[in-house]
Every structure is written in C-alpha cells, then in structure tokens.
Amino acid sequence: MIIDAAMDLFSQKEFHKIGMRDIAKRAGISAAAIYRYFPSRDDVFVEALVRHMQVVEDLFEKNLEEGRTSLEELAMGSVNYLMENESVFQMMGHFMVTGQIQPKALDRYNAMQRHFLDILERVNQQTDIGNNNRLVTHAIYASITGVVMAFKNYPGRSQEEIKRHVYRLVRIISSVFTTGRIPEDLQKLPAREIAAAPEKGGEE
C-alpha cells in the first residue's frame, strides 16, 4: 500500500517535491504510521525500486539458468524496462546523479546493485572475450544505463525514433563487449540514421 502510493506519486511529481506526509496521505494512513515501517523517504523509494528491479532480476536469473540470456538480451531487457517504467527510471536517475541517500537505504540499494552486477558478470563470462574482471562488468553496466539516461528523453524525437536509436546503441555495446566488433550493419549508417530520424521509406 505504502509502496504503491509512493510510486503513484512519483509518476506525477518530481522526487524532491514529495514528502512523507504526501505518501502517507496517498496511502490513507497517518504520517506517524508510515514512520513505523520506513524511517525516511529514501527508504520508501529504495524499497519501491528494489521490488521493481527484483522482478527483472528474477527473470534474468531464470533465463540464465536455462541458458537463454545473452549479453544483448540482458541489455535490451534492462533498457526496455527503464524506458517503459518512468517512475523506476526517475528514481534510479535521482540516486545515481545526486548520490544522496540515507545510510540504511543505501545498504538496501547497494545490495540490489550488487545482485544485478553479479548477474551481468555471469553473462559476461560466457562471451567470446568475457572475463571475471568486475571493472569490465561496471563498464558494461555504466554503458547500458548511460544510453537510457542520455537518450530516453532526447528532444525533438518521437518515441519510435528514440527506441530505434537506443536499440542500435545497445547492439553496439553488446557486440563490442562480446566480440570486440561493431555489427556490420551499424558501421556505416547515414548521419540522419545515426541521429535517429530516418527518412520516409528508409530502414524499418
């Protein structure tokens, strides 16, 4: 109830404009009651973020156990989730950019991050040039999340154009970390295609 209320609010208002009283009111409980469960606003939003990411991580874990998760599939799944869940994207952006988070909530957030990085590292070890270097895993993670941060709200582009562009960048990232090469079909794209605004009749 509290988490649902927080996510609902966050889809409508900026993070810094939401207080514990706002969350309590939306959840239909007193402000005092909410503090019995969560000592700070950060704890509420980190818990919401963790629950969302747990769904994604569980899916990746299942696919990995069945041998069905490539680096590209994991990367595409991640960016799709962030692009389709604005609240999750905004929360991740807030924590990643500001670095401001209460100590207890930070432990929960870091645990979630480590779990995702563990999954990513297992996938990376299966690639042609993969290794167990955690630094490389961090580089892959930063590349995947950075693409969404940089282009999700790219001005002057339609959602379809943005998705096309993001998917191409994810393919490049995945291929470079997997094989050390850029996909052939993406090596010589016209400038208009690179800018994610294809001409009519162009590539679909």
Protein backbone atom coordinates (compact mmCIF):
# COMPACT_ATOMS: atom_id res chain seq x y z
CA MET A 1 0.00 0.00 0.00
CA ILE A 2 2.73 2.47 1.00
CA ILE A 3 4.99 1.47 -1.90
CA ASP A 4 2.13 1.69 -4.40
CA ALA A 5 1.24 5.15 -3.09
CA ALA A 6 4.85 6.30 -3.41
CA MET A 7 5.17 5.01 -6.97
CA ASP A 8 1.88 6.64 -7.90
CA LEU A 9 3.07 9.99 -6.54
CA PHE A 10 6.44 9.70 -8.19
CA SER A 11 4.80 9.24 -11.58
CA GLN A 12 3.12 12.62 -11.08
CA LYS A 13 5.59 14.79 -9.15
CA GLU A 14 9.33 15.40 -9.01
CA PHE A 15 11.21 13.40 -6.38
CA HIS A 16 12.31 16.38 -4.27
CA LYS A 17 8.74 17.69 -4.07
CA ILE A 18 7.37 14.53 -2.43
CA GLY A 19 7.39 14.26 1.36
CA MET A 20 6.47 11.52 3.79
CA ARG A 21 3.18 13.29 4.57
CA ASP A 22 2.31 13.19 0.87
CA ILE A 23 2.99 9.44 0.74
CA ALA A 24 1.01 8.82 3.94
CA LYS A 25 -1.95 10.81 2.66
CA ARG A 26 -1.97 8.93 -0.66
CA ALA A 27 -1.72 5.60 1.21
CA GLY A 28 -4.56 6.57 3.52
CA ILE A 29 -2.58 6.30 6.75
CA SER A 30 -1.19 8.76 9.27
CA ALA A 31 2.26 10.29 8.91
CA ALA A 32 3.22 8.69 12.23
CA ALA A 33 2.18 5.26 10.99
CA ILE A 34 4.39 5.39 7.91
CA TYR A 35 7.48 6.02 10.07
CA ARG A 36 6.90 2.69 11.82
CA TYR A 37 7.70 0.99 8.51
CA PHE A 38 10.12 3.40 6.84
CA PRO A 39 12.41 5.82 8.72
CA SER A 40 12.85 8.13 5.74
CA ARG A 41 11.54 8.96 2.30
CA ASP A 42 14.66 7.42 0.75
CA ASP A 43 13.80 4.11 2.39
CA VAL A 44 10.34 4.18 0.80
CA PHE A 45 11.64 4.84 -2.69
CA VAL A 46 14.59 2.46 -2.45
CA GLU A 47 12.20 -0.29 -1.35
CA ALA A 48 9.96 0.52 -4.33
CA LEU A 49 12.95 0.46 -6.66
CA VAL A 50 14.23 -2.81 -5.20
CA ARG A 51 10.86 -4.50 -5.67
CA HIS A 52 10.69 -3.42 -9.29
CA MET A 53 14.23 -4.48 -10.05
CA GLN A 54 13.71 -7.80 -8.28
CA VAL A 55 11.12 -8.71 -10.90
CA VAL A 56 13.64 -8.01 -13.67
CA GLU A 57 16.50 -9.79 -11.90
CA ASP A 58 14.38 -12.87 -11.23
CA LEU A 59 13.55 -13.07 -14.93
CA PHE A 60 17.23 -12.75 -15.87
CA GLU A 61 18.18 -15.39 -13.32
CA LYS A 62 15.61 -17.81 -14.74
CA ASN A 63 16.74 -17.21 -18.32
CA LEU A 64 20.38 -17.54 -17.34
CA GLU A 65 19.77 -20.87 -15.63
CA GLU A 66 18.09 -22.08 -18.83
CA GLY A 67 20.95 -20.81 -20.99
CA ARG A 68 18.77 -18.26 -22.74
CA THR A 69 20.36 -14.99 -21.69
CA SER A 70 22.97 -13.35 -23.91
CA LEU A 71 24.55 -10.00 -23.07
CA GLU A 72 22.41 -8.34 -25.76
CA GLU A 73 19.22 -9.92 -24.40
CA LEU A 74 20.03 -8.78 -20.87
CA ALA A 75 20.89 -5.27 -22.05
CA MET A 76 17.75 -4.99 -24.18
CA GLY A 77 15.60 -6.24 -21.33
CA SER A 78 17.12 -3.67 -18.99
CA VAL A 79 16.67 -0.67 -21.27
CA ASN A 80 13.16 -1.73 -22.21
CA TYR A 81 12.16 -1.90 -18.55
CA LEU A 82 13.63 1.53 -17.80
CA MET A 83 12.03 3.10 -20.87
CA GLU A 84 8.62 1.62 -20.09
CA ASN A 85 8.65 2.39 -16.36
CA GLU A 86 9.11 6.12 -15.94
CA SER A 87 8.94 6.05 -12.13
CA VAL A 88 11.73 3.48 -11.89
CA PHE A 89 13.84 5.44 -14.36
CA GLN A 90 13.34 8.69 -12.41
CA MET A 91 14.26 7.06 -9.09
CA MET A 92 17.39 5.44 -10.50
CA GLY A 93 18.37 8.73 -12.08
CA HIS A 94 17.91 10.58 -8.82
CA PHE A 95 20.05 8.19 -6.78
CA MET A 96 22.71 7.80 -9.47
CA VAL A 97 23.08 11.52 -10.22
CA THR A 98 22.77 13.05 -6.74
CA GLY A 99 24.32 10.23 -4.71
CA GLN A 100 22.16 11.44 -1.82
CA ILE A 101 20.66 8.57 0.13
CA GLN A 102 20.17 7.69 3.79
CA PRO A 103 22.67 5.09 5.19
CA LYS A 104 20.11 2.34 5.83
CA ALA A 105 18.50 2.83 2.43
CA LEU A 106 21.97 2.90 0.87
CA ASP A 107 22.68 -0.62 2.14
CA ARG A 108 19.47 -1.88 0.53
CA TYR A 109 20.21 -0.05 -2.72
CA ASN A 110 23.79 -1.33 -2.88
CA ALA A 111 22.62 -4.90 -2.30
CA MET A 112 20.27 -4.58 -5.27
CA GLN A 113 23.06 -3.16 -7.43
CA ARG A 114 25.46 -5.94 -6.46
CA HIS A 115 22.90 -8.60 -7.33
CA PHE A 116 22.36 -7.14 -10.79
CA LEU A 117 26.12 -6.82 -11.31
CA ASP A 118 26.54 -10.46 -10.29
CA ILE A 119 24.05 -11.49 -12.98
CA LEU A 120 25.72 -9.26 -15.54
CA GLU A 121 29.13 -10.69 -14.67
CA ARG A 122 27.89 -14.26 -15.15
CA VAL A 123 26.56 -13.32 -18.59
CA ASN A 124 29.79 -11.52 -19.48
CA GLN A 125 31.87 -14.60 -18.60
CA GLN A 126 30.02 -16.54 -21.29
CA THR A 127 31.00 -14.17 -24.12
CA ASP A 128 33.89 -14.66 -26.56
CA ILE A 129 36.08 -12.09 -24.84
CA GLY A 130 34.41 -12.02 -21.43
CA ASN A 131 36.29 -12.33 -18.20
CA ASN A 132 35.60 -12.10 -14.49
CA ASN A 133 37.02 -8.60 -14.15
CA ARG A 134 34.49 -6.66 -12.05
CA LEU A 135 35.73 -3.42 -13.57
CA VAL A 136 34.64 -4.61 -17.02
CA THR A 137 31.25 -5.53 -15.57
CA HIS A 138 30.93 -2.00 -14.20
CA ALA A 139 31.83 -0.61 -17.63
CA ILE A 140 29.06 -2.67 -19.25
CA TYR A 141 26.55 -1.57 -16.59
CA ALA A 142 27.51 2.09 -17.00
CA SER A 143 27.18 1.81 -20.78
CA ILE A 144 23.72 0.24 -20.61
CA THR A 145 22.29 2.68 -18.08
CA GLY A 146 24.09 5.60 -19.70
CA VAL A 147 22.34 5.01 -23.02
CA VAL A 148 18.95 5.35 -21.35
CA MET A 149 20.00 8.39 -19.31
CA ALA A 150 21.36 10.12 -22.40
CA PHE A 151 18.61 9.38 -24.93
CA LYS A 152 15.35 8.41 -23.20
CA ASN A 153 14.03 11.97 -23.39
CA TYR A 154 16.00 13.07 -26.44
CA PRO A 155 14.44 16.41 -27.51
CA GLY A 156 12.72 16.71 -30.87
CA ARG A 157 12.42 12.96 -31.46
CA SER A 158 9.42 10.68 -31.39
CA GLN A 159 9.32 7.71 -29.03
CA GLU A 160 9.72 5.39 -32.00
CA GLU A 161 12.85 7.23 -33.17
CA ILE A 162 14.28 7.20 -29.65
CA LYS A 163 13.70 3.47 -29.28
CA ARG A 164 15.30 2.80 -32.66
CA HIS A 165 18.37 4.78 -31.64
CA VAL A 166 18.66 3.25 -28.17
CA TYR A 167 18.32 -0.28 -29.54
CA ARG A 168 21.12 0.35 -32.04
CA LEU A 169 23.39 1.68 -29.32
CA VAL A 170 22.64 -1.33 -27.13
CA ARG A 171 23.50 -3.64 -30.01
CA ILE A 172 26.84 -1.84 -30.45
CA ILE A 173 27.63 -2.00 -26.72
CA SER A 174 26.72 -5.69 -26.52
CA SER A 175 28.67 -6.60 -29.65
CA VAL A 176 31.80 -4.68 -28.64
CA PHE A 177 31.90 -6.30 -25.20
CA THR A 178 31.01 -9.71 -26.65
CA THR A 179 33.13 -9.91 -29.80
CA GLY A 180 35.22 -6.75 -29.83
CA ARG A 181 33.49 -5.62 -33.05
CA ILE A 182 30.69 -3.28 -34.10
CA PRO A 183 27.85 -5.02 -36.01
CA GLU A 184 28.44 -4.69 -39.74
CA ASP A 185 25.05 -3.15 -40.47
CA LEU A 186 25.75 -0.36 -37.97
CA GLN A 187 29.23 0.57 -39.14
CA LYS A 188 28.28 2.91 -41.96
CA LEU A 189 24.88 4.39 -41.16
CA PRO A 190 24.00 7.73 -42.79
CA ALA A 191 24.11 10.74 -40.44
CA ARG A 192 20.32 11.01 -40.47
CA GLU A 193 20.03 7.41 -39.34
CA ILE A 194 22.55 7.95 -36.55
CA ALA A 195 20.52 10.93 -35.37
CA ALA A 196 17.51 8.59 -35.06
CA ALA A 197 15.42 10.42 -37.62
CA PRO A 198 15.16 8.15 -40.70
CA GLU A 199 13.83 9.49 -43.96
CA LYS A 200 10.48 8.22 -45.20
CA GLY A 201 10.95 4.94 -46.98
CA GLY A 202 14.18 4.30 -45.11
CA GLU A 203 15.14 1.38 -42.94
CA GLU A 204 12.40 -0.01 -40.73
